[in-house]
Amino acid sequence: MRGLYNFVVKPKGSRYNNTKKIGDKELILNSEIYNHQYVNREAIVISVPKLIETEIQVGDTVVIHHNVFRRWHDQHGEERNSRSYFKEDEYFVALDQIFLYKKNNEWFSLPDYCFVKPLKSNSIYEEKEIPLIGIVKYTNKKIPVNKEDLIGFTPNSEYEFIIDNERLYRVLSKFITIKYEYQGEKEEYNPSWL
């Protein structure tokens, strides 16, 4: 099955990432279906669209929008699948719902997106994280920033993802406001709860 404009994907693992293995036991972290933080965002590509040219191929891992696998309750309290649902463990995904893809064990960002590592604040008077500044982890060919560049971005333009057990912000390229001269003196902020 190939869509004209949509990818067909299946969850990498299950629909939700709401458990954690501690020793030989499994701890359930959350039992709510509507909490986006526990929805799985990694998928395996089953088929690529016929009418869209893309570097993403069958078998690649992709990072997608949290609403693809999420379930919800309608106005009658009935549990429903997202509109992306096709059939058991298969979902349609538009290109604008894919943010990152993994090929040959390396992540690549799609045009218009980059992923940024937050920085730790050294001040006892500020938050633990320096707001609106980060180090580029994954970038794309369309924007003039490279990996390891120190950048600034606009307020409320960042969206949190966990990629390979590392907390990153997805930032749209148009919301990058400045590229700083990075000297390597800043420390990444990756809380231990990850």
N, C-alpha and C. Protein backbone atom coordinates (compact mmCIF):
# COMPACT_ATOMS: atom_id res chain seq x y z
N MET A 1 0.85 -1.19 0.00
CA MET A 1 0.00 0.00 0.00
C MET A 1 0.88 1.24 0.00
N ARG A 2 0.74 2.09 -1.00
CA ARG A 2 1.44 3.37 -1.05
C ARG A 2 0.43 4.49 -1.21
N GLY A 3 0.60 5.53 -0.40
CA GLY A 3 -0.26 6.70 -0.54
C GLY A 3 0.26 7.61 -1.62
N LEU A 4 -0.56 8.52 -2.11
CA LEU A 4 -0.11 9.48 -3.11
C LEU A 4 0.77 10.55 -2.46
N TYR A 5 0.32 11.10 -1.34
CA TYR A 5 1.04 12.18 -0.67
C TYR A 5 1.48 11.84 0.74
N ASN A 6 1.09 10.68 1.25
CA ASN A 6 1.38 10.32 2.64
C ASN A 6 2.30 9.11 2.75
N PHE A 7 3.11 9.13 3.80
CA PHE A 7 3.90 7.96 4.17
C PHE A 7 3.00 7.02 4.95
N VAL A 8 3.32 5.74 4.95
CA VAL A 8 2.67 4.78 5.83
C VAL A 8 3.75 4.34 6.82
N VAL A 9 3.46 4.47 8.12
CA VAL A 9 4.43 4.15 9.16
C VAL A 9 3.81 3.24 10.21
N LYS A 10 4.68 2.61 11.00
CA LYS A 10 4.22 1.85 12.16
C LYS A 10 5.04 2.32 13.35
N PRO A 11 4.49 2.25 14.56
CA PRO A 11 5.23 2.70 15.74
C PRO A 11 6.49 1.87 15.95
N LYS A 12 7.55 2.52 16.38
CA LYS A 12 8.75 1.80 16.79
C LYS A 12 8.53 1.43 18.24
N GLY A 13 8.14 0.20 18.47
CA GLY A 13 7.70 -0.21 19.81
C GLY A 13 6.19 -0.16 19.85
N SER A 14 5.64 0.54 20.84
CA SER A 14 4.19 0.66 20.95
C SER A 14 3.77 2.12 20.73
N ARG A 15 2.47 2.37 20.80
CA ARG A 15 1.95 3.72 20.56
C ARG A 15 2.37 4.70 21.65
N TYR A 16 2.53 4.20 22.87
CA TYR A 16 2.86 5.06 24.00
C TYR A 16 4.17 4.62 24.63
N ASN A 17 4.93 5.59 25.11
CA ASN A 17 6.16 5.33 25.87
C ASN A 17 5.89 5.69 27.32
N ASN A 18 5.07 4.90 27.98
CA ASN A 18 4.65 5.25 29.33
C ASN A 18 5.14 4.25 30.38
N THR A 19 6.17 3.47 30.04
CA THR A 19 6.73 2.54 31.01
C THR A 19 8.24 2.71 31.07
N LYS A 20 8.81 2.33 32.19
CA LYS A 20 10.26 2.39 32.37
C LYS A 20 10.69 1.12 33.09
N LYS A 21 11.75 0.51 32.60
CA LYS A 21 12.25 -0.72 33.20
C LYS A 21 13.23 -0.34 34.31
N ILE A 22 12.97 -0.85 35.51
CA ILE A 22 13.82 -0.62 36.67
C ILE A 22 14.17 -2.00 37.22
N GLY A 23 15.42 -2.39 36.99
CA GLY A 23 15.84 -3.74 37.36
C GLY A 23 15.10 -4.74 36.52
N ASP A 24 14.42 -5.69 37.15
CA ASP A 24 13.64 -6.68 36.40
C ASP A 24 12.14 -6.35 36.41
N LYS A 25 11.78 -5.18 36.93
CA LYS A 25 10.38 -4.75 37.00
C LYS A 25 10.12 -3.65 35.98
N GLU A 26 8.84 -3.51 35.60
CA GLU A 26 8.44 -2.45 34.70
C GLU A 26 7.49 -1.51 35.44
N LEU A 27 7.82 -0.23 35.45
CA LEU A 27 7.04 0.79 36.14
C LEU A 27 6.20 1.55 35.13
N ILE A 28 4.89 1.65 35.37
CA ILE A 28 3.99 2.42 34.51
C ILE A 28 4.04 3.87 34.98
N LEU A 29 4.48 4.78 34.09
CA LEU A 29 4.65 6.18 34.44
C LEU A 29 3.36 6.98 34.29
N ASN A 30 2.50 6.56 33.37
CA ASN A 30 1.32 7.34 33.07
C ASN A 30 0.27 6.42 32.46
N SER A 31 -0.98 6.61 32.83
CA SER A 31 -2.05 5.78 32.26
C SER A 31 -3.06 6.61 31.47
N GLU A 32 -2.80 7.90 31.28
CA GLU A 32 -3.69 8.77 30.53
C GLU A 32 -3.40 8.64 29.04
N ILE A 33 -4.40 8.54 28.20
CA ILE A 33 -4.16 8.42 26.77
C ILE A 33 -3.97 9.79 26.10
N TYR A 34 -4.40 10.87 26.75
CA TYR A 34 -4.37 12.17 26.10
C TYR A 34 -3.10 12.98 26.40
N ASN A 35 -2.23 12.51 27.28
CA ASN A 35 -1.02 13.25 27.61
C ASN A 35 0.02 13.07 26.51
N HIS A 36 0.34 14.13 25.78
CA HIS A 36 1.24 14.05 24.62
C HIS A 36 2.68 13.67 24.99
N GLN A 37 3.08 13.90 26.23
CA GLN A 37 4.46 13.62 26.63
C GLN A 37 4.78 12.13 26.61
N TYR A 38 3.79 11.28 26.70
CA TYR A 38 4.03 9.84 26.74
C TYR A 38 3.67 9.13 25.44
N VAL A 39 3.32 9.89 24.41
CA VAL A 39 3.03 9.30 23.11
C VAL A 39 4.34 9.03 22.40
N ASN A 40 4.46 7.86 21.82
CA ASN A 40 5.66 7.51 21.06
C ASN A 40 5.77 8.41 19.84
N ARG A 41 6.95 8.94 19.58
CA ARG A 41 7.15 9.81 18.43
C ARG A 41 8.09 9.20 17.40
N GLU A 42 8.54 7.98 17.64
CA GLU A 42 9.41 7.32 16.66
C GLU A 42 8.61 6.26 15.91
N ALA A 43 8.82 6.22 14.58
CA ALA A 43 8.10 5.28 13.73
C ALA A 43 9.06 4.71 12.68
N ILE A 44 8.66 3.58 12.13
CA ILE A 44 9.39 2.94 11.04
C ILE A 44 8.57 3.15 9.76
N VAL A 45 9.23 3.56 8.68
CA VAL A 45 8.54 3.81 7.42
C VAL A 45 8.25 2.47 6.73
N ILE A 46 6.97 2.25 6.41
CA ILE A 46 6.53 1.05 5.70
C ILE A 46 6.48 1.32 4.19
N SER A 47 5.99 2.51 3.81
CA SER A 47 5.98 2.89 2.40
C SER A 47 6.10 4.40 2.27
N VAL A 48 6.63 4.83 1.14
CA VAL A 48 6.81 6.26 0.87
C VAL A 48 5.76 6.70 -0.15
N PRO A 49 5.43 8.00 -0.18
CA PRO A 49 4.40 8.48 -1.11
C PRO A 49 4.84 8.35 -2.58
N LYS A 50 3.88 8.15 -3.45
CA LYS A 50 4.17 8.03 -4.88
C LYS A 50 4.51 9.37 -5.51
N LEU A 51 3.88 10.44 -5.06
CA LEU A 51 4.01 11.73 -5.75
C LEU A 51 4.92 12.74 -5.05
N ILE A 52 5.65 12.32 -4.02
CA ILE A 52 6.56 13.23 -3.33
C ILE A 52 7.96 12.65 -3.41
N GLU A 53 8.89 13.49 -3.85
CA GLU A 53 10.29 13.07 -3.90
C GLU A 53 10.93 13.34 -2.55
N THR A 54 11.52 12.32 -1.96
CA THR A 54 12.09 12.45 -0.62
C THR A 54 13.29 11.54 -0.45
N GLU A 55 14.17 11.90 0.47
CA GLU A 55 15.32 11.06 0.79
C GLU A 55 14.95 9.96 1.79
N ILE A 56 13.79 10.08 2.40
CA ILE A 56 13.32 9.07 3.36
C ILE A 56 12.91 7.83 2.58
N GLN A 57 13.38 6.67 3.04
CA GLN A 57 13.11 5.41 2.36
C GLN A 57 12.43 4.41 3.30
N VAL A 58 11.92 3.35 2.73
CA VAL A 58 11.29 2.28 3.49
C VAL A 58 12.33 1.72 4.48
N GLY A 59 11.92 1.54 5.73
CA GLY A 59 12.80 1.00 6.76
C GLY A 59 13.49 2.06 7.60
N ASP A 60 13.47 3.33 7.15
CA ASP A 60 14.08 4.41 7.94
C ASP A 60 13.25 4.67 9.20
N THR A 61 13.91 5.12 10.25
CA THR A 61 13.23 5.56 11.47
C THR A 61 12.94 7.05 11.31
N VAL A 62 11.74 7.48 11.67
CA VAL A 62 11.38 8.90 11.59
C VAL A 62 10.84 9.36 12.94
N VAL A 63 11.04 10.65 13.23
CA VAL A 63 10.46 11.29 14.41
C VAL A 63 9.27 12.10 13.90
N ILE A 64 8.10 11.82 14.46
CA ILE A 64 6.86 12.38 13.93
C ILE A 64 6.11 13.19 14.99
N HIS A 65 5.04 13.81 14.54
CA HIS A 65 4.17 14.60 15.40
C HIS A 65 3.49 13.69 16.43
N HIS A 66 3.29 14.21 17.64
CA HIS A 66 2.74 13.40 18.73
C HIS A 66 1.28 12.98 18.51
N ASN A 67 0.55 13.63 17.64
CA ASN A 67 -0.86 13.27 17.44
C ASN A 67 -1.08 12.09 16.50
N VAL A 68 -0.03 11.61 15.84
CA VAL A 68 -0.20 10.50 14.90
C VAL A 68 -0.66 9.24 15.62
N PHE A 69 -0.01 8.85 16.71
CA PHE A 69 -0.35 7.62 17.43
C PHE A 69 -1.32 7.84 18.58
N ARG A 70 -1.57 9.06 18.94
CA ARG A 70 -2.37 9.36 20.13
C ARG A 70 -3.84 9.00 19.94
N ARG A 71 -4.43 8.49 21.02
CA ARG A 71 -5.87 8.22 21.05
C ARG A 71 -6.56 9.36 21.82
N TRP A 72 -7.86 9.50 21.66
CA TRP A 72 -8.61 10.58 22.31
C TRP A 72 -10.04 10.12 22.56
N HIS A 73 -10.77 10.90 23.35
CA HIS A 73 -12.17 10.60 23.65
C HIS A 73 -13.05 11.62 22.93
N ASP A 74 -14.10 11.13 22.27
CA ASP A 74 -15.02 12.04 21.60
C ASP A 74 -16.03 12.63 22.60
N GLN A 75 -16.99 13.38 22.11
CA GLN A 75 -17.95 14.06 22.99
C GLN A 75 -18.87 13.10 23.73
N HIS A 76 -18.89 11.81 23.32
CA HIS A 76 -19.69 10.80 23.99
C HIS A 76 -18.85 9.95 24.94
N GLY A 77 -17.58 10.29 25.06
CA GLY A 77 -16.69 9.55 25.94
C GLY A 77 -16.10 8.28 25.31
N GLU A 78 -16.34 8.09 24.02
CA GLU A 78 -15.82 6.93 23.31
C GLU A 78 -14.36 7.17 22.93
N GLU A 79 -13.54 6.15 23.14
CA GLU A 79 -12.12 6.25 22.79
C GLU A 79 -11.97 6.08 21.28
N ARG A 80 -11.20 6.98 20.65
CA ARG A 80 -11.02 6.97 19.19
C ARG A 80 -9.53 7.02 18.83
N ASN A 81 -9.23 6.54 17.62
CA ASN A 81 -7.89 6.67 17.06
C ASN A 81 -7.74 8.05 16.43
N SER A 82 -6.52 8.44 16.19
CA SER A 82 -6.27 9.71 15.50
C SER A 82 -6.71 9.59 14.05
N ARG A 83 -6.79 10.71 13.36
CA ARG A 83 -7.20 10.67 11.94
C ARG A 83 -6.14 10.04 11.07
N SER A 84 -4.92 9.85 11.60
CA SER A 84 -3.83 9.22 10.85
C SER A 84 -3.96 7.71 10.81
N TYR A 85 -4.80 7.14 11.67
CA TYR A 85 -4.93 5.69 11.78
C TYR A 85 -5.42 5.08 10.46
N PHE A 86 -4.73 4.03 10.00
CA PHE A 86 -5.13 3.32 8.79
C PHE A 86 -5.68 1.95 9.16
N LYS A 87 -4.85 1.12 9.74
CA LYS A 87 -5.28 -0.18 10.26
C LYS A 87 -4.29 -0.58 11.33
N GLU A 88 -4.49 -1.72 11.95
CA GLU A 88 -3.68 -2.14 13.09
C GLU A 88 -2.19 -1.87 12.88
N ASP A 89 -1.61 -0.99 13.69
CA ASP A 89 -0.19 -0.62 13.66
C ASP A 89 0.28 0.01 12.36
N GLU A 90 -0.62 0.59 11.57
CA GLU A 90 -0.24 1.32 10.37
C GLU A 90 -0.96 2.67 10.37
N TYR A 91 -0.20 3.71 10.04
CA TYR A 91 -0.72 5.08 10.11
C TYR A 91 -0.24 5.87 8.89
N PHE A 92 -1.09 6.80 8.42
CA PHE A 92 -0.69 7.72 7.37
C PHE A 92 -0.02 8.93 8.01
N VAL A 93 1.07 9.39 7.41
CA VAL A 93 1.77 10.56 7.93
C VAL A 93 2.12 11.47 6.76
N ALA A 94 1.73 12.74 6.86
CA ALA A 94 2.09 13.73 5.85
C ALA A 94 3.54 14.17 6.08
N LEU A 95 4.15 14.68 5.04
CA LEU A 95 5.55 15.10 5.13
C LEU A 95 5.76 16.17 6.19
N ASP A 96 4.78 17.06 6.39
CA ASP A 96 4.94 18.12 7.39
C ASP A 96 4.76 17.62 8.82
N GLN A 97 4.45 16.32 9.01
CA GLN A 97 4.38 15.73 10.34
C GLN A 97 5.65 14.96 10.69
N ILE A 98 6.63 14.99 9.79
CA ILE A 98 7.92 14.33 10.03
C ILE A 98 8.97 15.42 10.24
N PHE A 99 9.76 15.28 11.32
CA PHE A 99 10.72 16.31 11.67
C PHE A 99 12.17 15.86 11.51
N LEU A 100 12.40 14.56 11.64
CA LEU A 100 13.76 14.02 11.66
C LEU A 100 13.69 12.61 11.12
N TYR A 101 14.73 12.17 10.42
CA TYR A 101 14.77 10.78 9.99
C TYR A 101 16.17 10.22 10.19
N LYS A 102 16.23 8.90 10.40
CA LYS A 102 17.50 8.23 10.68
C LYS A 102 17.82 7.27 9.55
N LYS A 103 19.00 7.47 8.97
CA LYS A 103 19.47 6.64 7.88
C LYS A 103 20.90 6.26 8.19
N ASN A 104 21.23 4.97 8.11
CA ASN A 104 22.58 4.47 8.40
C ASN A 104 23.07 4.95 9.77
N ASN A 105 22.19 4.89 10.74
CA ASN A 105 22.50 5.23 12.14
C ASN A 105 22.84 6.70 12.36
N GLU A 106 22.43 7.59 11.45
CA GLU A 106 22.67 9.02 11.59
C GLU A 106 21.35 9.77 11.37
N TRP A 107 21.08 10.75 12.25
CA TRP A 107 19.85 11.54 12.16
C TRP A 107 20.02 12.69 11.17
N PHE A 108 18.96 12.98 10.42
CA PHE A 108 18.92 14.10 9.48
C PHE A 108 17.62 14.87 9.70
N SER A 109 17.73 16.18 9.74
CA SER A 109 16.57 17.02 9.94
C SER A 109 15.95 17.36 8.59
N LEU A 110 14.62 17.47 8.55
CA LEU A 110 13.95 17.87 7.33
C LEU A 110 14.04 19.38 7.17
N PRO A 111 13.88 19.88 5.95
CA PRO A 111 13.91 21.33 5.73
C PRO A 111 12.93 22.03 6.66
N ASP A 112 13.32 23.20 7.08
CA ASP A 112 12.55 24.07 7.98
C ASP A 112 12.70 23.72 9.45
N TYR A 113 13.41 22.64 9.81
CA TYR A 113 13.57 22.29 11.21
C TYR A 113 15.04 22.13 11.57
N CYS A 114 15.35 22.47 12.81
CA CYS A 114 16.63 22.08 13.38
C CYS A 114 16.37 21.68 14.83
N PHE A 115 17.29 20.90 15.39
CA PHE A 115 17.15 20.44 16.77
C PHE A 115 18.30 21.01 17.57
N VAL A 116 17.97 21.53 18.75
CA VAL A 116 18.90 22.33 19.55
C VAL A 116 19.03 21.74 20.94
N LYS A 117 20.27 21.66 21.44
CA LYS A 117 20.54 21.20 22.81
C LYS A 117 20.44 22.40 23.75
N PRO A 118 19.64 22.33 24.80
CA PRO A 118 19.58 23.43 25.77
C PRO A 118 20.88 23.53 26.55
N LEU A 119 21.13 24.71 27.09
CA LEU A 119 22.37 24.97 27.84
C LEU A 119 22.09 25.17 29.32
N LYS A 120 23.02 24.72 30.13
CA LYS A 120 22.91 24.84 31.58
C LYS A 120 23.32 26.25 32.00
N SER A 121 22.56 26.81 32.92
CA SER A 121 22.86 28.13 33.46
C SER A 121 23.82 27.98 34.64
N ASN A 122 24.79 28.86 34.71
CA ASN A 122 25.75 28.85 35.82
C ASN A 122 25.34 29.79 36.94
N SER A 123 24.28 30.53 36.74
CA SER A 123 23.82 31.51 37.72
C SER A 123 22.90 30.86 38.75
N ILE A 124 23.07 31.23 40.01
CA ILE A 124 22.18 30.71 41.04
C ILE A 124 20.85 31.48 41.08
N TYR A 125 20.77 32.60 40.35
CA TYR A 125 19.59 33.45 40.36
C TYR A 125 18.66 33.17 39.19
N GLU A 126 19.11 32.43 38.20
CA GLU A 126 18.31 32.16 37.02
C GLU A 126 17.79 30.73 37.04
N GLU A 127 17.03 30.40 36.02
CA GLU A 127 16.56 29.03 35.84
C GLU A 127 17.76 28.11 35.67
N LYS A 128 17.54 26.80 35.73
CA LYS A 128 18.62 25.83 35.53
C LYS A 128 19.08 25.80 34.09
N GLU A 129 18.26 26.33 33.20
CA GLU A 129 18.55 26.32 31.78
C GLU A 129 18.56 27.75 31.26
N ILE A 130 19.49 28.06 30.38
CA ILE A 130 19.53 29.39 29.76
C ILE A 130 18.39 29.45 28.74
N PRO A 131 17.47 30.39 28.89
CA PRO A 131 16.34 30.44 27.96
C PRO A 131 16.74 30.96 26.58
N LEU A 132 16.12 30.41 25.55
CA LEU A 132 16.18 30.89 24.17
C LEU A 132 17.56 30.81 23.52
N ILE A 133 18.43 29.97 24.05
CA ILE A 133 19.77 29.78 23.49
C ILE A 133 20.08 28.28 23.51
N GLY A 134 20.75 27.79 22.48
CA GLY A 134 21.13 26.39 22.46
C GLY A 134 22.18 26.09 21.42
N ILE A 135 22.67 24.86 21.44
CA ILE A 135 23.67 24.40 20.49
C ILE A 135 22.98 23.50 19.47
N VAL A 136 23.22 23.75 18.20
CA VAL A 136 22.57 22.98 17.14
C VAL A 136 23.10 21.55 17.14
N LYS A 137 22.19 20.60 17.23
CA LYS A 137 22.53 19.18 17.19
C LYS A 137 22.28 18.60 15.80
N TYR A 138 21.10 18.91 15.23
CA TYR A 138 20.76 18.45 13.89
C TYR A 138 20.24 19.64 13.10
N THR A 139 20.70 19.80 11.89
CA THR A 139 20.30 20.93 11.05
C THR A 139 19.95 20.41 9.67
N ASN A 140 19.60 21.32 8.78
CA ASN A 140 19.30 20.94 7.40
C ASN A 140 20.06 21.83 6.44
N LYS A 141 20.00 21.50 5.17
CA LYS A 141 20.80 22.20 4.16
C LYS A 141 20.26 23.59 3.82
N LYS A 142 19.03 23.89 4.21
CA LYS A 142 18.40 25.14 3.80
C LYS A 142 18.72 26.33 4.69
N ILE A 143 19.28 26.09 5.86
CA ILE A 143 19.53 27.21 6.77
C ILE A 143 21.03 27.38 6.99
N PRO A 144 21.46 28.61 7.24
CA PRO A 144 22.91 28.88 7.35
C PRO A 144 23.49 28.63 8.75
N VAL A 145 23.09 27.55 9.40
CA VAL A 145 23.72 27.17 10.67
C VAL A 145 24.20 25.73 10.55
N ASN A 146 25.27 25.43 11.26
CA ASN A 146 25.87 24.11 11.22
C ASN A 146 25.75 23.44 12.57
N LYS A 147 26.05 22.14 12.62
CA LYS A 147 26.09 21.43 13.89
C LYS A 147 27.09 22.12 14.80
N GLU A 148 26.76 22.15 16.09
CA GLU A 148 27.59 22.75 17.14
C GLU A 148 27.60 24.27 17.13
N ASP A 149 26.81 24.93 16.26
CA ASP A 149 26.70 26.39 16.32
C ASP A 149 25.85 26.77 17.52
N LEU A 150 26.19 27.89 18.15
CA LEU A 150 25.42 28.44 19.26
C LEU A 150 24.43 29.44 18.67
N ILE A 151 23.14 29.20 18.89
CA ILE A 151 22.11 30.04 18.29
C ILE A 151 21.14 30.56 19.34
N GLY A 152 20.41 31.59 18.96
CA GLY A 152 19.30 32.10 19.75
C GLY A 152 18.02 31.94 18.94
N PHE A 153 16.89 31.80 19.63
CA PHE A 153 15.61 31.64 18.94
C PHE A 153 14.53 32.39 19.69
N THR A 154 13.41 32.62 19.03
CA THR A 154 12.33 33.42 19.60
C THR A 154 11.59 32.68 20.72
N PRO A 155 10.97 33.41 21.62
CA PRO A 155 10.20 32.76 22.69
C PRO A 155 9.06 31.91 22.14
N ASN A 156 8.78 30.81 22.81
CA ASN A 156 7.70 29.88 22.48
C ASN A 156 7.82 29.24 21.10
N SER A 157 9.02 29.20 20.55
CA SER A 157 9.22 28.56 19.25
C SER A 157 9.83 27.17 19.39
N GLU A 158 10.21 26.81 20.62
CA GLU A 158 10.86 25.51 20.84
C GLU A 158 9.82 24.49 21.29
N TYR A 159 10.05 23.23 20.88
CA TYR A 159 9.17 22.14 21.27
C TYR A 159 10.04 20.97 21.67
N GLU A 160 9.81 20.42 22.84
CA GLU A 160 10.70 19.41 23.43
C GLU A 160 10.52 18.02 22.84
N PHE A 161 11.65 17.38 22.55
CA PHE A 161 11.69 16.00 22.08
C PHE A 161 12.78 15.27 22.85
N ILE A 162 12.64 13.95 22.97
CA ILE A 162 13.69 13.11 23.52
C ILE A 162 14.18 12.25 22.36
N ILE A 163 15.41 12.49 21.93
CA ILE A 163 16.01 11.75 20.81
C ILE A 163 17.23 11.02 21.34
N ASP A 164 17.23 9.71 21.25
CA ASP A 164 18.34 8.88 21.77
C ASP A 164 18.67 9.25 23.22
N ASN A 165 17.65 9.35 24.05
CA ASN A 165 17.78 9.68 25.48
C ASN A 165 18.42 11.04 25.73
N GLU A 166 18.29 11.94 24.79
CA GLU A 166 18.81 13.30 24.94
C GLU A 166 17.67 14.28 24.71
N ARG A 167 17.52 15.22 25.62
CA ARG A 167 16.46 16.23 25.52
C ARG A 167 16.88 17.31 24.54
N LEU A 168 16.08 17.50 23.49
CA LEU A 168 16.37 18.49 22.45
C LEU A 168 15.12 19.32 22.18
N TYR A 169 15.34 20.52 21.67
CA TYR A 169 14.23 21.35 21.22
C TYR A 169 14.18 21.35 19.71
N ARG A 170 12.98 21.14 19.18
CA ARG A 170 12.78 21.33 17.74
C ARG A 170 12.44 22.80 17.54
N VAL A 171 13.18 23.45 16.66
CA VAL A 171 12.96 24.87 16.38
C VAL A 171 12.80 25.04 14.88
N LEU A 172 11.75 25.70 14.47
CA LEU A 172 11.60 26.03 13.06
C LEU A 172 12.71 26.99 12.65
N SER A 173 13.25 26.79 11.49
CA SER A 173 14.38 27.60 11.01
C SER A 173 14.07 29.09 11.02
N LYS A 174 12.84 29.46 10.68
CA LYS A 174 12.50 30.89 10.61
C LYS A 174 12.49 31.57 11.99
N PHE A 175 12.52 30.77 13.07
CA PHE A 175 12.52 31.35 14.41
C PHE A 175 13.93 31.46 15.01
N ILE A 176 14.94 31.09 14.25
CA ILE A 176 16.32 31.30 14.69
C ILE A 176 16.64 32.77 14.45
N THR A 177 17.04 33.46 15.51
CA THR A 177 17.22 34.91 15.41
C THR A 177 18.68 35.35 15.35
N ILE A 178 19.60 34.53 15.86
CA ILE A 178 21.00 34.96 15.90
C ILE A 178 21.91 33.74 15.97
N LYS A 179 23.08 33.89 15.40
CA LYS A 179 24.13 32.87 15.52
C LYS A 179 25.27 33.52 16.29
N TYR A 180 25.59 32.97 17.47
CA TYR A 180 26.64 33.50 18.33
C TYR A 180 27.98 32.88 17.96
N GLU A 181 29.04 33.53 18.39
CA GLU A 181 30.38 32.94 18.27
C GLU A 181 30.56 32.01 19.46
N TYR A 182 30.43 30.73 19.22
CA TYR A 182 30.49 29.72 20.29
C TYR A 182 31.94 29.35 20.56
N GLN A 183 32.35 29.51 21.82
CA GLN A 183 33.72 29.22 22.21
C GLN A 183 33.86 27.89 22.95
N GLY A 184 32.77 27.18 23.15
CA GLY A 184 32.82 25.89 23.82
C GLY A 184 32.77 25.96 25.33
N GLU A 185 32.52 27.16 25.89
CA GLU A 185 32.53 27.30 27.34
C GLU A 185 31.18 27.00 27.99
N LYS A 186 30.14 26.83 27.20
CA LYS A 186 28.81 26.55 27.75
C LYS A 186 28.64 25.05 27.96
N GLU A 187 27.87 24.68 29.01
CA GLU A 187 27.63 23.29 29.32
C GLU A 187 26.21 22.92 28.90
N GLU A 188 26.05 21.77 28.24
CA GLU A 188 24.73 21.31 27.83
C GLU A 188 23.89 20.98 29.05
N TYR A 189 22.59 21.18 28.92
CA TYR A 189 21.68 20.87 30.01
C TYR A 189 20.84 19.67 29.62
N ASN A 190 21.10 18.53 30.25
CA ASN A 190 20.37 17.30 29.99
C ASN A 190 20.03 16.67 31.35
N PRO A 191 18.84 16.97 31.88
CA PRO A 191 18.50 16.52 33.23
C PRO A 191 18.62 15.00 33.38
N SER A 192 18.92 14.58 34.60
CA SER A 192 19.15 13.17 34.88
C SER A 192 17.91 12.31 34.73
N TRP A 193 16.70 12.91 34.73
CA TRP A 193 15.48 12.11 34.63
C TRP A 193 15.32 11.48 33.26
N LEU A 194 16.12 11.89 32.30
CA LEU A 194 16.03 11.29 30.96
C LEU A 194 16.67 9.93 30.98
